[in-house]
C-alpha atoms as a PDB file:
ATOM      1  CA  MET A   1     -84.830-136.330 -52.319  1.00  0.00           C
ATOM      2  CA  LYS A   2     -82.698-138.732 -54.306  1.00  0.00           C
ATOM      3  CA  ILE A   3     -84.298-141.403 -56.460  1.00  0.00           C
ATOM      4  CA  THR A   4     -82.717-144.551 -57.782  1.00  0.00           C
ATOM      5  CA  SER A   5     -82.438-145.508 -61.441  1.00  0.00           C
ATOM      6  CA  LYS A   6     -85.041-148.201 -60.847  1.00  0.00           C
ATOM      7  CA  GLN A   7     -87.463-145.647 -59.381  1.00  0.00           C
ATOM      8  CA  LEU A   8     -86.830-143.274 -62.291  1.00  0.00           C
ATOM      9  CA  ARG A   9     -87.526-146.036 -64.830  1.00  0.00           C
ATOM     10  CA  GLN A  10     -90.788-146.822 -63.022  1.00  0.00           C
ATOM     11  CA  ILE A  11     -91.815-143.149 -63.044  1.00  0.00           C
ATOM     12  CA  ILE A  12     -91.042-142.890 -66.759  1.00  0.00           C
ATOM     13  CA  LYS A  13     -92.957-146.105 -67.460  1.00  0.00           C
ATOM     14  CA  GLU A  14     -95.996-144.763 -65.586  1.00  0.00           C
ATOM     15  CA  GLU A  15     -95.826-141.411 -67.381  1.00  0.00           C
ATOM     16  CA  LEU A  16     -95.514-143.092 -70.774  1.00  0.00           C
ATOM     17  CA  SER A  17     -98.566-145.205 -69.985  1.00  0.00           C
ATOM     18  CA  ARG A  18    -100.527-142.128 -69.010  1.00  0.00           C
ATOM     19  CA  LEU A  19     -99.437-140.266 -72.129  1.00  0.00           C
ATOM     20  CA  ASP A  20    -100.350-143.215 -74.346  1.00  0.00           C
ATOM     21  CA  GLU A  21    -103.847-142.993 -72.922  1.00  0.00           C
ATOM     22  CA  GLU A  22    -103.989-139.324 -73.942  1.00  0.00           C
ATOM     23  CA  ALA A  23    -103.458-140.084 -77.641  1.00  0.00           C
ATOM     24  CA  THR A  24     -99.806-139.164 -77.658  1.00  0.00           C
ATOM     25  CA  ASN A  25     -97.952-139.508 -80.914  1.00  0.00           C
ATOM     26  CA  ILE A  26     -94.303-139.904 -81.725  1.00  0.00           C
ATOM     27  CA  ARG A  27     -92.683-137.734 -84.374  1.00  0.00           C
ATOM     28  CA  SER A  28     -89.230-137.533 -85.868  1.00  0.00           C
ATOM     29  CA  TYR A  29     -87.227-134.343 -85.354  1.00  0.00           C
ATOM     30  CA  TYR A  30     -84.128-133.331 -87.339  1.00  0.00           C
ATOM     31  CA  VAL A  31     -81.506-132.077 -84.869  1.00  0.00           C
ATOM     32  CA  LYS A  32     -80.022-128.678 -85.701  1.00  0.00           C
ATOM     33  CA  ARG A  33     -76.711-127.223 -84.569  1.00  0.00           C
ATOM     34  CA  GLY A  34     -77.029-125.897 -81.026  1.00  0.00           C
ATOM     35  CA  ASP A  35     -80.035-128.068 -80.133  1.00  0.00           C
ATOM     36  CA  THR A  36     -80.074-129.892 -76.828  1.00  0.00           C
ATOM     37  CA  LEU A  37     -82.555-132.545 -75.807  1.00  0.00           C
ATOM     38  CA  SER A  38     -83.771-130.119 -73.158  1.00  0.00           C
ATOM     39  CA  SER A  39     -84.443-127.295 -75.636  1.00  0.00           C
ATOM     40  CA  VAL A  40     -86.043-129.591 -78.195  1.00  0.00           C
ATOM     41  CA  THR A  41     -88.301-131.179 -75.563  1.00  0.00           C
ATOM     42  CA  GLN A  42     -89.302-127.759 -74.259  1.00  0.00           C
ATOM     43  CA  HIS A  43     -90.215-126.444 -77.725  1.00  0.00           C
ATOM     44  CA  HIS A  44     -91.742-129.493 -79.392  1.00  0.00           C
ATOM     45  CA  SER A  45     -93.271-131.680 -76.667  1.00  0.00           C
ATOM     46  CA  PRO A  46     -96.134-130.846 -74.315  1.00  0.00           C
ATOM     47  CA  PRO A  47     -95.269-129.779 -70.753  1.00  0.00           C
ATOM     48  CA  GLU A  48     -96.029-133.193 -69.256  1.00  0.00           C
ATOM     49  CA  VAL A  49     -93.302-134.814 -71.365  1.00  0.00           C
ATOM     50  CA  THR A  50     -89.960-134.770 -69.566  1.00  0.00           C
ATOM     51  CA  ILE A  51     -86.464-134.764 -70.995  1.00  0.00           C
ATOM     52  CA  GLU A  52     -86.021-138.235 -69.495  1.00  0.00           C
ATOM     53  CA  MET A  53     -89.062-139.524 -71.375  1.00  0.00           C
ATOM     54  CA  ASN A  54     -87.722-138.321 -74.736  1.00  0.00           C
ATOM     55  CA  ALA A  55     -84.270-139.638 -73.773  1.00  0.00           C
ATOM     56  CA  SER A  56     -85.762-143.052 -73.038  1.00  0.00           C
ATOM     57  CA  LEU A  57     -87.552-143.029 -76.380  1.00  0.00           C
ATOM     58  CA  ASN A  58     -84.153-142.555 -78.071  1.00  0.00           C
ATOM     59  CA  ASN A  59     -82.173-144.901 -75.794  1.00  0.00           C
ATOM     60  CA  LEU A  60     -80.057-141.994 -74.542  1.00  0.00           C
ATOM     61  CA  SER A  61     -78.221-141.947 -71.222  1.00  0.00           C
ATOM     62  CA  PRO A  62     -77.190-138.823 -69.306  1.00  0.00           C
ATOM     63  CA  PRO A  63     -75.995-136.294 -70.387  1.00  0.00           C
ATOM     64  CA  TYR A  64     -78.490-136.987 -73.240  1.00  0.00           C
ATOM     65  CA  THR A  65     -76.232-135.834 -76.060  1.00  0.00           C
ATOM     66  CA  ILE A  66     -77.891-135.380 -79.441  1.00  0.00           C
ATOM     67  CA  VAL A  67     -76.023-134.785 -82.702  1.00  0.00           C
ATOM     68  CA  ALA A  68     -76.784-132.147 -85.334  1.00  0.00           C
ATOM     69  CA  GLY A  69     -77.799-133.711 -88.624  1.00  0.00           C
ATOM     70  CA  LYS A  70     -79.359-136.772 -87.019  1.00  0.00           C
ATOM     71  CA  SER A  71     -83.018-137.463 -86.345  1.00  0.00           C
ATOM     72  CA  ILE A  72     -84.493-138.198 -82.939  1.00  0.00           C
ATOM     73  CA  LEU A  73     -87.968-139.215 -81.854  1.00  0.00           C
ATOM     74  CA  LEU A  74     -90.136-136.971 -79.690  1.00  0.00           C
ATOM     75  CA  TYR A  75     -93.390-137.467 -77.877  1.00  0.00           C
ATOM     76  CA  VAL A  76     -95.961-134.967 -79.085  1.00  0.00           C
ATOM     77  CA  THR A  77     -99.679-134.432 -78.667  1.00  0.00           C
ATOM     78  CA  PRO A  78    -101.913-133.096 -81.445  1.00  0.00           C
ATOM     79  CA  GLU A  79    -101.673-129.466 -80.324  1.00  0.00           C
ATOM     80  CA  TYR A  80     -97.836-129.670 -80.502  1.00  0.00           C
ATOM     81  CA  GLU A  81     -97.612-131.234 -83.955  1.00  0.00           C
END
């Protein structure tokens, strides 16, 4: 099943709304050499947060490149802080 960019943005918007209702916080993360947005999301955000959601938070487009030495923002919930 292929979804359009518009549909993806709507899904992300809905997920962000739902997460906001669950007391989600945003934290800064210092990117280390070898990090990818996928690995950082997997290790520092709760399972319901997708790579696309963290990418949107940082205004990143595919392939979601992050740079070592820079900070990015991540969605976290209290148990992941």
